[in-house]
Amino acid sequence: SKPISTLLADKQVQISVVGNQDGRSTAAGHYLTVHGTMDKDKRDNNSFFVIGHSDTSKVGIWKLHPFRHGNVSNLYRIQLVTVSDGRGQGRNRWLAVHGS
């Protein structure tokens, strides 16, 4: 059996919400994506908010880049390749969490 990092290397994926850590079903079945059609979609001049979208024609296509941190090897940097409808917002940007 190959490690998951080998199986995911150079593959593009869609990321869907299957549930929430606290048990709520909010956004279950939605796909992670980036849109720029509304002013509120843009976080600042350099970044967009990630949203969960139920329209399967507008889902994000992501690439998982495995990396190590110390002894931990099952970590991934997540990059938006494109959105399935071809829009360019956020293309090739990295998923990040901000406290702002």
C-alpha atoms as a PDB file:
ATOM      1  CA  SER A   1       0.000   0.000   0.000  1.00  0.00           C
ATOM      2  CA  LYS A   2       1.373   3.412  -1.031  1.00  0.00           C
ATOM      3  CA  PRO A   3       1.353   6.352   1.376  1.00  0.00           C
ATOM      4  CA  ILE A   4      -1.419   8.904   0.764  1.00  0.00           C
ATOM      5  CA  SER A   5       1.155  11.581  -0.163  1.00  0.00           C
ATOM      6  CA  THR A   6       2.324   9.371  -3.048  1.00  0.00           C
ATOM      7  CA  LEU A   7      -1.246   8.739  -4.202  1.00  0.00           C
ATOM      8  CA  LEU A   8      -2.087  12.462  -4.201  1.00  0.00           C
ATOM      9  CA  ALA A   9       1.139  13.720  -5.763  1.00  0.00           C
ATOM     10  CA  ASP A  10       0.462  15.742  -8.938  1.00  0.00           C
ATOM     11  CA  LYS A  11      -3.289  15.076  -8.783  1.00  0.00           C
ATOM     12  CA  GLN A  12      -5.994  17.710  -8.926  1.00  0.00           C
ATOM     13  CA  VAL A  13      -8.908  17.280  -6.523  1.00  0.00           C
ATOM     14  CA  GLN A  14     -12.253  18.787  -5.580  1.00  0.00           C
ATOM     15  CA  ILE A  15     -12.705  19.303  -1.842  1.00  0.00           C
ATOM     16  CA  SER A  16     -16.188  18.776  -0.435  1.00  0.00           C
ATOM     17  CA  VAL A  17     -17.574  19.388   3.037  1.00  0.00           C
ATOM     18  CA  VAL A  18     -18.801  16.135   4.572  1.00  0.00           C
ATOM     19  CA  GLY A  19     -19.579  17.543   8.018  1.00  0.00           C
ATOM     20  CA  ASN A  20     -18.298  19.733  10.795  1.00  0.00           C
ATOM     21  CA  GLN A  21     -16.144  18.821  13.750  1.00  0.00           C
ATOM     22  CA  ASP A  22     -18.937  19.771  16.161  1.00  0.00           C
ATOM     23  CA  GLY A  23     -21.474  17.539  14.387  1.00  0.00           C
ATOM     24  CA  ARG A  24     -23.427  20.247  12.531  1.00  0.00           C
ATOM     25  CA  SER A  25     -24.340  19.516   8.919  1.00  0.00           C
ATOM     26  CA  THR A  26     -23.900  23.145   7.780  1.00  0.00           C
ATOM     27  CA  ALA A  27     -22.583  23.243   4.173  1.00  0.00           C
ATOM     28  CA  ALA A  28     -22.401  19.433   3.915  1.00  0.00           C
ATOM     29  CA  GLY A  29     -22.200  18.567   0.223  1.00  0.00           C
ATOM     30  CA  HIS A  30     -20.780  21.968  -0.724  1.00  0.00           C
ATOM     31  CA  TYR A  31     -17.444  22.276  -2.520  1.00  0.00           C
ATOM     32  CA  LEU A  32     -14.571  24.573  -1.603  1.00  0.00           C
ATOM     33  CA  THR A  33     -14.091  27.267  -4.228  1.00  0.00           C
ATOM     34  CA  VAL A  34     -13.161  30.909  -4.835  1.00  0.00           C
ATOM     35  CA  HIS A  35     -15.381  33.444  -6.576  1.00  0.00           C
ATOM     36  CA  GLY A  36     -14.786  37.100  -7.259  1.00  0.00           C
ATOM     37  CA  THR A  37     -18.170  38.207  -8.542  1.00  0.00           C
ATOM     38  CA  MET A  38     -19.182  40.065  -5.363  1.00  0.00           C
ATOM     39  CA  ASP A  39     -17.212  42.741  -3.507  1.00  0.00           C
ATOM     40  CA  LYS A  40     -17.410  40.622  -0.336  1.00  0.00           C
ATOM     41  CA  ASP A  41     -15.556  37.752  -2.128  1.00  0.00           C
ATOM     42  CA  LYS A  42     -12.326  39.734  -2.035  1.00  0.00           C
ATOM     43  CA  ARG A  43     -10.499  39.845   1.309  1.00  0.00           C
ATOM     44  CA  ASP A  44      -7.983  42.503   0.263  1.00  0.00           C
ATOM     45  CA  ASN A  45      -5.874  43.421  -2.789  1.00  0.00           C
ATOM     46  CA  ASN A  46      -3.940  40.151  -2.541  1.00  0.00           C
ATOM     47  CA  SER A  47      -6.479  37.539  -1.442  1.00  0.00           C
ATOM     48  CA  PHE A  48     -10.007  36.149  -1.738  1.00  0.00           C
ATOM     49  CA  PHE A  49     -12.264  34.398   0.739  1.00  0.00           C
ATOM     50  CA  VAL A  50     -12.823  30.676   0.203  1.00  0.00           C
ATOM     51  CA  ILE A  51     -16.490  29.672   0.067  1.00  0.00           C
ATOM     52  CA  GLY A  52     -18.515  26.491   0.080  1.00  0.00           C
ATOM     53  CA  HIS A  53     -20.644  26.269  -3.083  1.00  0.00           C
ATOM     54  CA  SER A  54     -23.390  23.779  -3.921  1.00  0.00           C
ATOM     55  CA  ASP A  55     -23.275  24.400  -7.694  1.00  0.00           C
ATOM     56  CA  THR A  56     -21.033  21.641  -9.043  1.00  0.00           C
ATOM     57  CA  SER A  57     -20.276  23.676 -12.177  1.00  0.00           C
ATOM     58  CA  LYS A  58     -18.437  26.259 -10.031  1.00  0.00           C
ATOM     59  CA  VAL A  59     -16.197  24.165  -7.778  1.00  0.00           C
ATOM     60  CA  GLY A  60     -12.548  24.763  -7.008  1.00  0.00           C
ATOM     61  CA  ILE A  61      -9.954  22.434  -8.508  1.00  0.00           C
ATOM     62  CA  TRP A  62      -7.167  22.106  -5.948  1.00  0.00           C
ATOM     63  CA  LYS A  63      -3.712  20.569  -5.805  1.00  0.00           C
ATOM     64  CA  LEU A  64      -2.335  19.104  -2.582  1.00  0.00           C
ATOM     65  CA  HIS A  65       1.419  19.562  -2.136  1.00  0.00           C
ATOM     66  CA  PRO A  66       2.806  17.203   0.522  1.00  0.00           C
ATOM     67  CA  PHE A  67       5.480  18.502   2.877  1.00  0.00           C
ATOM     68  CA  ARG A  68       7.156  17.604   6.163  1.00  0.00           C
ATOM     69  CA  HIS A  69       7.453  19.620   9.349  1.00  0.00           C
ATOM     70  CA  GLY A  70       9.877  18.005  11.754  1.00  0.00           C
ATOM     71  CA  ASN A  71       8.750  14.395  12.221  1.00  0.00           C
ATOM     72  CA  VAL A  72       5.271  15.008  10.781  1.00  0.00           C
ATOM     73  CA  SER A  73       4.955  14.001   7.138  1.00  0.00           C
ATOM     74  CA  ASN A  74       1.213  13.855   6.436  1.00  0.00           C
ATOM     75  CA  LEU A  75       0.876  17.614   5.883  1.00  0.00           C
ATOM     76  CA  TYR A  76      -0.244  19.406   2.726  1.00  0.00           C
ATOM     77  CA  ARG A  77      -0.080  22.898   1.268  1.00  0.00           C
ATOM     78  CA  ILE A  78      -3.284  23.424  -0.705  1.00  0.00           C
ATOM     79  CA  GLN A  79      -3.224  25.400  -3.956  1.00  0.00           C
ATOM     80  CA  LEU A  80      -6.168  26.496  -6.084  1.00  0.00           C
ATOM     81  CA  VAL A  81      -5.463  25.414  -9.672  1.00  0.00           C
ATOM     82  CA  THR A  82      -8.643  26.894 -11.172  1.00  0.00           C
ATOM     83  CA  VAL A  83     -12.421  26.958 -10.815  1.00  0.00           C
ATOM     84  CA  SER A  84     -14.371  24.435 -12.899  1.00  0.00           C
ATOM     85  CA  ASP A  85     -16.215  27.169 -14.839  1.00  0.00           C
ATOM     86  CA  GLY A  86     -12.885  28.671 -15.955  1.00  0.00           C
ATOM     87  CA  ARG A  87     -12.943  31.898 -13.923  1.00  0.00           C
ATOM     88  CA  GLY A  88      -9.482  33.185 -13.076  1.00  0.00           C
ATOM     89  CA  GLN A  89     -10.002  34.532  -9.550  1.00  0.00           C
ATOM     90  CA  GLY A  90      -7.569  33.022  -7.109  1.00  0.00           C
ATOM     91  CA  ARG A  91      -5.893  30.823  -9.713  1.00  0.00           C
ATOM     92  CA  ASN A  92      -2.613  29.343  -8.438  1.00  0.00           C
ATOM     93  CA  ARG A  93      -3.036  30.968  -5.018  1.00  0.00           C
ATOM     94  CA  TRP A  94      -2.504  29.097  -1.737  1.00  0.00           C
ATOM     95  CA  LEU A  95      -5.109  28.342   0.900  1.00  0.00           C
ATOM     96  CA  ALA A  96      -4.322  30.170   4.139  1.00  0.00           C
ATOM     97  CA  VAL A  97      -6.052  31.052   7.398  1.00  0.00           C
ATOM     98  CA  HIS A  98      -6.023  34.623   8.696  1.00  0.00           C
ATOM     99  CA  GLY A  99      -7.352  36.090  11.896  1.00  0.00           C
ATOM    100  CA  SER A 100      -8.522  39.309  10.256  1.00  0.00           C
END
